[in-house]
Structures are given as C-alpha cells and as structure tokens.
PDB file of all heavy atoms in Angstrom:
ATOM      1  N   GLY A   1       8.318   1.402  -9.152  1.00  0.00           N
ATOM      2  CA  GLY A   1       9.607   0.744  -9.321  1.00  0.00           C
ATOM      3  C   GLY A   1       9.988  -0.182  -8.185  1.00  0.00           C
ATOM      4  O   GLY A   1      11.156  -0.282  -7.812  1.00  0.00           O
ATOM      5  N   ARG A   2       8.994  -0.872  -7.614  1.00  0.00           N
ATOM      6  CA  ARG A   2       9.236  -1.842  -6.545  1.00  0.00           C
ATOM      7  C   ARG A   2       8.529  -3.151  -6.878  1.00  0.00           C
ATOM      8  O   ARG A   2       7.577  -3.167  -7.661  1.00  0.00           O
ATOM      9  CB  ARG A   2       8.714  -1.316  -5.203  1.00  0.00           C
ATOM     10  CG  ARG A   2       9.387  -0.058  -4.686  1.00  0.00           C
ATOM     11  CD  ARG A   2      10.823  -0.321  -4.262  1.00  0.00           C
ATOM     12  NE  ARG A   2      11.403   0.820  -3.572  1.00  0.00           N
ATOM     13  CZ  ARG A   2      11.949   1.862  -4.166  1.00  0.00           C
ATOM     14  NH1 ARG A   2      11.971   1.913  -5.509  1.00  0.00           N
ATOM     15  NH2 ARG A   2      12.471   2.855  -3.475  1.00  0.00           N
ATOM     16  N   LYS A   3       8.977  -4.233  -6.267  1.00  0.00           N
ATOM     17  CA  LYS A   3       8.308  -5.506  -6.471  1.00  0.00           C
ATOM     18  C   LYS A   3       6.943  -5.488  -5.768  1.00  0.00           C
ATOM     19  O   LYS A   3       6.770  -4.784  -4.762  1.00  0.00           O
ATOM     20  CB  LYS A   3       9.164  -6.647  -5.930  1.00  0.00           C
ATOM     21  CG  LYS A   3      10.461  -6.869  -6.717  1.00  0.00           C
ATOM     22  CD  LYS A   3      11.240  -8.053  -6.152  1.00  0.00           C
ATOM     23  CE  LYS A   3      12.515  -8.282  -6.972  1.00  0.00           C
ATOM     24  NZ  LYS A   3      13.313  -9.419  -6.449  1.00  0.00           N
ATOM     25  N   PRO A   4       5.964  -6.255  -6.272  1.00  0.00           N
ATOM     26  CA  PRO A   4       4.646  -6.269  -5.641  1.00  0.00           C
ATOM     27  C   PRO A   4       4.687  -6.590  -4.150  1.00  0.00           C
ATOM     28  O   PRO A   4       3.945  -5.992  -3.363  1.00  0.00           O
ATOM     29  CB  PRO A   4       3.893  -7.349  -6.427  1.00  0.00           C
ATOM     30  CG  PRO A   4       4.544  -7.334  -7.775  1.00  0.00           C
ATOM     31  CD  PRO A   4       5.987  -7.051  -7.518  1.00  0.00           C
ATOM     32  N   ALA A   5       5.563  -7.523  -3.753  1.00  0.00           N
ATOM     33  CA  ALA A   5       5.659  -7.869  -2.328  1.00  0.00           C
ATOM     34  C   ALA A   5       6.120  -6.673  -1.500  1.00  0.00           C
ATOM     35  O   ALA A   5       5.633  -6.443  -0.386  1.00  0.00           O
ATOM     36  CB  ALA A   5       6.622  -9.042  -2.141  1.00  0.00           C
ATOM     37  N   ALA A   6       7.038  -5.894  -2.037  1.00  0.00           N
ATOM     38  CA  ALA A   6       7.513  -4.700  -1.337  1.00  0.00           C
ATOM     39  C   ALA A   6       6.397  -3.665  -1.229  1.00  0.00           C
ATOM     40  O   ALA A   6       6.265  -2.974  -0.209  1.00  0.00           O
ATOM     41  CB  ALA A   6       8.718  -4.113  -2.060  1.00  0.00           C
ATOM     42  N   CYS A   7       5.590  -3.557  -2.272  1.00  0.00           N
ATOM     43  CA  CYS A   7       4.455  -2.622  -2.246  1.00  0.00           C
ATOM     44  C   CYS A   7       3.431  -3.049  -1.205  1.00  0.00           C
ATOM     45  O   CYS A   7       2.832  -2.202  -0.523  1.00  0.00           O
ATOM     46  CB  CYS A   7       3.808  -2.546  -3.626  1.00  0.00           C
ATOM     47  SG  CYS A   7       4.885  -1.850  -4.896  1.00  0.00           S
ATOM     48  N   ARG A   8       3.250  -4.351  -1.083  1.00  0.00           N
ATOM     49  CA  ARG A   8       2.316  -4.863  -0.066  1.00  0.00           C
ATOM     50  C   ARG A   8       2.808  -4.467   1.336  1.00  0.00           C
ATOM     51  O   ARG A   8       2.021  -4.087   2.192  1.00  0.00           O
ATOM     52  CB  ARG A   8       2.218  -6.383  -0.192  1.00  0.00           C
ATOM     53  CG  ARG A   8       1.070  -7.003   0.594  1.00  0.00           C
ATOM     54  CD  ARG A   8       1.080  -8.517   0.426  1.00  0.00           C
ATOM     55  NE  ARG A   8       0.926  -8.895  -0.961  1.00  0.00           N
ATOM     56  CZ  ARG A   8      -0.226  -9.036  -1.581  1.00  0.00           C
ATOM     57  NH1 ARG A   8      -1.364  -8.814  -0.914  1.00  0.00           N
ATOM     58  NH2 ARG A   8      -0.287  -9.402  -2.845  1.00  0.00           N
ATOM     59  N   GLN A   9       4.118  -4.559   1.550  1.00  0.00           N
ATOM     60  CA  GLN A   9       4.687  -4.175   2.840  1.00  0.00           C
ATOM     61  C   GLN A   9       4.563  -2.671   3.082  1.00  0.00           C
ATOM     62  O   GLN A   9       4.293  -2.228   4.204  1.00  0.00           O
ATOM     63  CB  GLN A   9       6.156  -4.595   2.903  1.00  0.00           C
ATOM     64  CG  GLN A   9       6.364  -6.099   2.987  1.00  0.00           C
ATOM     65  CD  GLN A   9       7.827  -6.483   3.033  1.00  0.00           C
ATOM     66  OE1 GLN A   9       8.688  -5.719   2.586  1.00  0.00           O
ATOM     67  NE2 GLN A   9       8.127  -7.651   3.581  1.00  0.00           N
ATOM     68  N   LEU A  10       4.763  -1.881   2.030  1.00  0.00           N
ATOM     69  CA  LEU A  10       4.602  -0.434   2.162  1.00  0.00           C
ATOM     70  C   LEU A  10       3.180  -0.079   2.605  1.00  0.00           C
ATOM     71  O   LEU A  10       2.982   0.746   3.505  1.00  0.00           O
ATOM     72  CB  LEU A  10       4.922   0.248   0.834  1.00  0.00           C
ATOM     73  CG  LEU A  10       6.386   0.318   0.416  1.00  0.00           C
ATOM     74  CD1 LEU A  10       6.499   0.758  -1.043  1.00  0.00           C
ATOM     75  CD2 LEU A  10       7.159   1.282   1.316  1.00  0.00           C
ATOM     76  N   ALA A  11       2.197  -0.693   1.973  1.00  0.00           N
ATOM     77  CA  ALA A  11       0.796  -0.423   2.318  1.00  0.00           C
ATOM     78  C   ALA A  11       0.489  -0.887   3.736  1.00  0.00           C
ATOM     79  O   ALA A  11      -0.246  -0.218   4.477  1.00  0.00           O
ATOM     80  CB  ALA A  11      -0.128  -1.104   1.319  1.00  0.00           C
ATOM     81  N   SER A  12       1.061  -2.021   4.124  1.00  0.00           N
ATOM     82  CA  SER A  12       0.829  -2.557   5.466  1.00  0.00           C
ATOM     83  C   SER A  12       1.400  -1.616   6.530  1.00  0.00           C
ATOM     84  O   SER A  12       0.746  -1.332   7.539  1.00  0.00           O
ATOM     85  CB  SER A  12       1.467  -3.941   5.589  1.00  0.00           C
ATOM     86  OG  SER A  12       1.292  -4.462   6.892  1.00  0.00           O
ATOM     87  N   ARG A  13       2.618  -1.115   6.303  1.00  0.00           N
ATOM     88  CA  ARG A  13       3.212  -0.180   7.247  1.00  0.00           C
ATOM     89  C   ARG A  13       2.388   1.101   7.336  1.00  0.00           C
ATOM     90  O   ARG A  13       2.213   1.672   8.420  1.00  0.00           O
ATOM     91  CB  ARG A  13       4.645   0.158   6.837  1.00  0.00           C
ATOM     92  CG  ARG A  13       5.650  -0.947   7.091  1.00  0.00           C
ATOM     93  CD  ARG A  13       7.063  -0.394   7.231  1.00  0.00           C
ATOM     94  NE  ARG A  13       7.478   0.349   6.045  1.00  0.00           N
ATOM     95  CZ  ARG A  13       8.140  -0.196   5.016  1.00  0.00           C
ATOM     96  NH1 ARG A  13       8.429  -1.492   5.026  1.00  0.00           N
ATOM     97  NH2 ARG A  13       8.490   0.538   3.971  1.00  0.00           N
ATOM     98  N   ALA A  14       1.878   1.527   6.195  1.00  0.00           N
ATOM     99  CA  ALA A  14       1.058   2.734   6.181  1.00  0.00           C
ATOM    100  C   ALA A  14      -0.189   2.540   7.035  1.00  0.00           C
ATOM    101  O   ALA A  14      -0.558   3.435   7.818  1.00  0.00           O
ATOM    102  CB  ALA A  14       0.674   3.084   4.749  1.00  0.00           C
ATOM    103  N   ARG A  15      -0.840   1.396   6.915  1.00  0.00           N
ATOM    104  CA  ARG A  15      -2.061   1.145   7.688  1.00  0.00           C
ATOM    105  C   ARG A  15      -1.781   1.207   9.189  1.00  0.00           C
ATOM    106  O   ARG A  15      -2.591   1.732   9.958  1.00  0.00           O
ATOM    107  CB  ARG A  15      -2.638  -0.226   7.331  1.00  0.00           C
ATOM    108  CG  ARG A  15      -3.207  -0.303   5.944  1.00  0.00           C
ATOM    109  CD  ARG A  15      -3.891  -1.643   5.691  1.00  0.00           C
ATOM    110  NE  ARG A  15      -3.860  -1.955   4.280  1.00  0.00           N
ATOM    111  CZ  ARG A  15      -3.096  -2.882   3.735  1.00  0.00           C
ATOM    112  NH1 ARG A  15      -2.296  -3.628   4.502  1.00  0.00           N
ATOM    113  NH2 ARG A  15      -3.120  -3.082   2.428  1.00  0.00           N
ATOM    114  N   VAL A  16      -0.654   0.654   9.606  1.00  0.00           N
ATOM    115  CA  VAL A  16      -0.296   0.673  11.025  1.00  0.00           C
ATOM    116  C   VAL A  16      -0.088   2.108  11.502  1.00  0.00           C
ATOM    117  O   VAL A  16      -0.555   2.498  12.577  1.00  0.00           O
ATOM    118  CB  VAL A  16       0.978  -0.162  11.271  1.00  0.00           C
ATOM    119  CG1 VAL A  16       1.488   0.034  12.704  1.00  0.00           C
ATOM    120  CG2 VAL A  16       0.709  -1.641  11.013  1.00  0.00           C
ATOM    121  N   ASN A  17       0.578   2.909  10.685  1.00  0.00           N
ATOM    122  CA  ASN A  17       0.918   4.275  11.083  1.00  0.00           C
ATOM    123  C   ASN A  17      -0.279   5.214  11.136  1.00  0.00           C
ATOM    124  O   ASN A  17      -0.249   6.220  11.849  1.00  0.00           O
ATOM    125  CB  ASN A  17       1.969   4.850  10.130  1.00  0.00           C
ATOM    126  CG  ASN A  17       3.335   4.222  10.330  1.00  0.00           C
ATOM    127  OD1 ASN A  17       3.661   3.787  11.428  1.00  0.00           O
ATOM    128  ND2 ASN A  17       4.135   4.175   9.284  1.00  0.00           N
ATOM    129  N   ILE A  18      -1.329   4.902  10.385  1.00  0.00           N
ATOM    130  CA  ILE A  18      -2.461   5.842  10.315  1.00  0.00           C
ATOM    131  C   ILE A  18      -3.751   5.258  10.864  1.00  0.00           C
ATOM    132  O   ILE A  18      -4.805   5.873  10.759  1.00  0.00           O
ATOM    133  CB  ILE A  18      -2.708   6.308   8.860  1.00  0.00           C
ATOM    134  CG1 ILE A  18      -3.140   5.124   7.990  1.00  0.00           C
ATOM    135  CG2 ILE A  18      -1.482   6.994   8.295  1.00  0.00           C
ATOM    136  CD1 ILE A  18      -3.500   5.524   6.570  1.00  0.00           C
ATOM    137  N   ARG A  19      -3.673   4.080  11.484  1.00  0.00           N
ATOM    138  CA  ARG A  19      -4.915   3.403  11.875  1.00  0.00           C
ATOM    139  C   ARG A  19      -5.765   4.226  12.840  1.00  0.00           C
ATOM    140  O   ARG A  19      -7.002   4.171  12.793  1.00  0.00           O
ATOM    141  CB  ARG A  19      -4.599   2.034  12.480  1.00  0.00           C
ATOM    142  CG  ARG A  19      -3.736   2.060  13.722  1.00  0.00           C
ATOM    143  CD  ARG A  19      -3.338   0.647  14.121  1.00  0.00           C
ATOM    144  NE  ARG A  19      -2.342   0.645  15.196  1.00  0.00           N
ATOM    145  CZ  ARG A  19      -1.699  -0.437  15.588  1.00  0.00           C
ATOM    146  NH1 ARG A  19      -1.949  -1.597  14.999  1.00  0.00           N
ATOM    147  NH2 ARG A  19      -0.817  -0.377  16.557  1.00  0.00           N
ATOM    148  N   ASN A  20      -5.137   5.004  13.725  1.00  0.00           N
ATOM    149  CA  ASN A  20      -5.920   5.806  14.673  1.00  0.00           C
ATOM    150  C   ASN A  20      -6.657   6.956  14.008  1.00  0.00           C
ATOM    151  O   ASN A  20      -7.587   7.519  14.590  1.00  0.00           O
ATOM    152  CB  ASN A  20      -5.008   6.351  15.770  1.00  0.00           C
ATOM    153  CG  ASN A  20      -4.510   5.260  16.704  1.00  0.00           C
ATOM    154  OD1 ASN A  20      -5.148   4.221  16.847  1.00  0.00           O
ATOM    155  ND2 ASN A  20      -3.364   5.482  17.316  1.00  0.00           N
ATOM    156  N   ALA A  21      -6.232   7.315  12.795  1.00  0.00           N
ATOM    157  CA  ALA A  21      -6.872   8.432  12.102  1.00  0.00           C
ATOM    158  C   ALA A  21      -8.012   7.993  11.196  1.00  0.00           C
ATOM    159  O   ALA A  21      -8.746   8.833  10.680  1.00  0.00           O
ATOM    160  CB  ALA A  21      -5.843   9.193  11.269  1.00  0.00           C
ATOM    161  N   ARG A  22      -8.164   6.695  11.003  1.00  0.00           N
ATOM    162  CA  ARG A  22      -9.219   6.216  10.114  1.00  0.00           C
ATOM    163  C   ARG A  22     -10.567   6.317  10.809  1.00  0.00           C
ATOM    164  O   ARG A  22     -10.712   6.065  12.011  1.00  0.00           O
ATOM    165  CB  ARG A  22      -8.957   4.772   9.673  1.00  0.00           C
ATOM    166  CG  ARG A  22      -7.627   4.601   8.975  1.00  0.00           C
ATOM    167  CD  ARG A  22      -7.576   3.362   8.124  1.00  0.00           C
ATOM    168  NE  ARG A  22      -8.344   3.515   6.904  1.00  0.00           N
ATOM    169  CZ  ARG A  22      -8.326   2.620   5.912  1.00  0.00           C
ATOM    170  NH1 ARG A  22      -7.581   1.541   5.994  1.00  0.00           N
ATOM    171  NH2 ARG A  22      -9.057   2.821   4.833  1.00  0.00           N
ATOM    172  N   ARG A  23     -11.563   6.691  10.061  1.00  0.00           N
ATOM    173  CA  ARG A  23     -12.897   6.913  10.605  1.00  0.00           C
ATOM    174  C   ARG A  23     -13.465   5.611  11.164  1.00  0.00           C
ATOM    175  O   ARG A  23     -13.523   4.602  10.477  1.00  0.00           O
ATOM    176  CB  ARG A  23     -13.809   7.465   9.518  1.00  0.00           C
ATOM    177  CG  ARG A  23     -15.209   7.755   9.996  1.00  0.00           C
ATOM    178  CD  ARG A  23     -15.927   8.713   9.073  1.00  0.00           C
ATOM    179  NE  ARG A  23     -15.840   8.358   7.683  1.00  0.00           N
ATOM    180  CZ  ARG A  23     -16.295   9.125   6.694  1.00  0.00           C
ATOM    181  NH1 ARG A  23     -16.835  10.288   6.978  1.00  0.00           N
ATOM    182  NH2 ARG A  23     -16.202   8.748   5.454  1.00  0.00           N
ATOM    183  N   ARG A  24     -13.853   5.653  12.449  1.00  0.00           N
ATOM    184  CA  ARG A  24     -14.382   4.444  13.076  1.00  0.00           C
ATOM    185  C   ARG A  24     -15.871   4.264  12.808  1.00  0.00           C
ATOM    186  O   ARG A  24     -16.397   3.180  12.850  1.00  0.00           O
ATOM    187  CB  ARG A  24     -14.106   4.497  14.581  1.00  0.00           C
ATOM    188  CG  ARG A  24     -12.644   4.263  14.909  1.00  0.00           C
ATOM    189  CD  ARG A  24     -12.428   4.194  16.412  1.00  0.00           C
ATOM    190  NE  ARG A  24     -12.427   5.516  17.017  1.00  0.00           N
ATOM    191  CZ  ARG A  24     -11.338   6.292  17.071  1.00  0.00           C
ATOM    192  NH1 ARG A  24     -10.204   5.883  16.540  1.00  0.00           N
ATOM    193  NH2 ARG A  24     -11.384   7.468  17.650  1.00  0.00           N
ATOM    194  N   PHE A  25     -16.570   5.364  12.563  1.00  0.00           N
ATOM    195  CA  PHE A  25     -17.989   5.264  12.229  1.00  0.00           C
ATOM    196  C   PHE A  25     -18.373   6.495  11.430  1.00  0.00           C
ATOM    197  O   PHE A  25     -17.773   7.561  11.589  1.00  0.00           O
ATOM    198  CB  PHE A  25     -18.859   5.151  13.487  1.00  0.00           C
ATOM    199  CG  PHE A  25     -18.773   6.350  14.391  1.00  0.00           C
ATOM    200  CD1 PHE A  25     -19.658   7.401  14.264  1.00  0.00           C
ATOM    201  CD2 PHE A  25     -17.786   6.426  15.366  1.00  0.00           C
ATOM    202  CE1 PHE A  25     -19.577   8.507  15.077  1.00  0.00           C
ATOM    203  CE2 PHE A  25     -17.698   7.540  16.195  1.00  0.00           C
ATOM    204  CZ  PHE A  25     -18.601   8.575  16.061  1.00  0.00           C
ATOM    205  N   ALA A  26     -19.325   6.328  10.572  1.00  0.00           N
ATOM    206  CA  ALA A  26     -19.785   7.447   9.755  1.00  0.00           C
ATOM    207  C   ALA A  26     -20.946   8.136  10.465  1.00  0.00           C
ATOM    208  O   ALA A  26     -21.946   7.502  10.775  1.00  0.00           O
ATOM    209  CB  ALA A  26     -20.215   6.945   8.378  1.00  0.00           C
ATOM    210  N   MET A  27     -20.798   9.399  10.726  1.00  0.00           N
ATOM    211  CA  MET A  27     -21.858  10.150  11.392  1.00  0.00           C
ATOM    212  C   MET A  27     -22.940  10.526  10.391  1.00  0.00           C
ATOM    213  O   MET A  27     -22.633  10.973   9.282  1.00  0.00           O
ATOM    214  CB  MET A  27     -21.277  11.415  12.025  1.00  0.00           C
ATOM    215  CG  MET A  27     -22.336  12.369  12.548  1.00  0.00           C
ATOM    216  SD  MET A  27     -21.637  13.656  13.589  1.00  0.00           S
ATOM    217  CE  MET A  27     -21.247  12.697  15.050  1.00  0.00           C
ATOM    218  N   PRO A  28     -24.209  10.317  10.747  1.00  0.00           N
ATOM    219  CA  PRO A  28     -25.289  10.754   9.859  1.00  0.00           C
ATOM    220  C   PRO A  28     -25.137  12.238   9.537  1.00  0.00           C
ATOM    221  O   PRO A  28     -24.796  13.045  10.413  1.00  0.00           O
ATOM    222  CB  PRO A  28     -26.556  10.489  10.685  1.00  0.00           C
ATOM    223  CG  PRO A  28     -26.161   9.403  11.635  1.00  0.00           C
ATOM    224  CD  PRO A  28     -24.721   9.662  11.965  1.00  0.00           C
ATOM    225  N   ARG A  29     -25.373  12.577   8.294  1.00  0.00           N
ATOM    226  CA  ARG A  29     -25.171  13.951   7.836  1.00  0.00           C
ATOM    227  C   ARG A  29     -25.937  14.961   8.685  1.00  0.00           C
ATOM    228  O   ARG A  29     -25.373  15.974   9.117  1.00  0.00           O
ATOM    229  CB  ARG A  29     -25.608  14.045   6.370  1.00  0.00           C
ATOM    230  CG  ARG A  29     -25.435  15.427   5.776  1.00  0.00           C
ATOM    231  CD  ARG A  29     -25.889  15.462   4.327  1.00  0.00           C
ATOM    232  NE  ARG A  29     -25.728  16.789   3.771  1.00  0.00           N
ATOM    233  CZ  ARG A  29     -24.598  17.263   3.250  1.00  0.00           C
ATOM    234  NH1 ARG A  29     -23.532  16.491   3.214  1.00  0.00           N
ATOM    235  NH2 ARG A  29     -24.516  18.483   2.764  1.00  0.00           N
ATOM    236  N   GLU A  30     -27.202  14.685   8.954  1.00  0.00           N
ATOM    237  CA  GLU A  30     -28.029  15.639   9.683  1.00  0.00           C
ATOM    238  C   GLU A  30     -27.491  15.869  11.092  1.00  0.00           C
ATOM    239  O   GLU A  30     -27.459  16.997  11.584  1.00  0.00           O
ATOM    240  CB  GLU A  30     -29.478  15.146   9.747  1.00  0.00           C
ATOM    241  CG  GLU A  30     -30.178  15.051   8.412  1.00  0.00           C
ATOM    242  CD  GLU A  30     -29.744  13.830   7.588  1.00  0.00           C
ATOM    243  OE1 GLU A  30     -29.066  12.946   8.169  1.00  0.00           O
ATOM    244  OE2 GLU A  30     -30.060  13.780   6.392  1.00  0.00           O
ATOM    245  N   GLN A  31     -27.049  14.791  11.744  1.00  0.00           N
ATOM    246  CA  GLN A  31     -26.532  14.914  13.106  1.00  0.00           C
ATOM    247  C   GLN A  31     -25.258  15.754  13.127  1.00  0.00           C
ATOM    248  O   GLN A  31     -25.074  16.617  13.993  1.00  0.00           O
ATOM    249  CB  GLN A  31     -26.253  13.524  13.684  1.00  0.00           C
ATOM    250  CG  GLN A  31     -25.739  13.555  15.121  1.00  0.00           C
ATOM    251  CD  GLN A  31     -25.414  12.168  15.640  1.00  0.00           C
ATOM    252  OE1 GLN A  31     -25.603  11.160  14.948  1.00  0.00           O
ATOM    253  NE2 GLN A  31     -24.914  12.086  16.859  1.00  0.00           N
TER     254      GLN A  31
END
C-alpha cells in the first residue's frame, strides 16, 4: 500500500541499516 518510489526508499534505508551484516565473502564449504 505504498507508492513504488516510497518502496524504493524503504529498501534503500534497509540496506544502510543492515550493510554490516551482509556476507562479505562466501567461505568454501569444506573450510
């Protein structure tokens, strides 16, 4: 129930708030 532009802003704010938690590299399974 929001305009697409508002949804874009919601997603952008979310990325800023969680950026430190996003995986920076994928560790090989065996390692």
